[in-house]
Amino acid sequence: MAHKINYNPHLARGYPETIEQQIRTTYQGQAHFANTGPFGATCAECGFLGYYRRRHNACGDLISASRWGGCAKFS
């Protein structure tokens, strides 16, 4: 569901039109603003997709590392 910005005619605009359009088209839960990457690109094509999640014990020693499908940019 896209966020809706309530416009009040008595208030000045908060952002330039380009940024307001990005906010309007961004869905809740997206890692970054919509329409900021290359045209037609999706998260599946991003270099930040997937990272290794590391698990450590109480001493700080690495126990395991497993591949995670989330966004490495926003992990």
Foldseek 3Di string as FASTA:
>chain_A
DADDDDDDPVDDDDDPPVVVVQSRPDDPPDPDTPPPDPPPDDPVPDPQFKDWDWDADPVRDTDDIDIDGHGNVRD
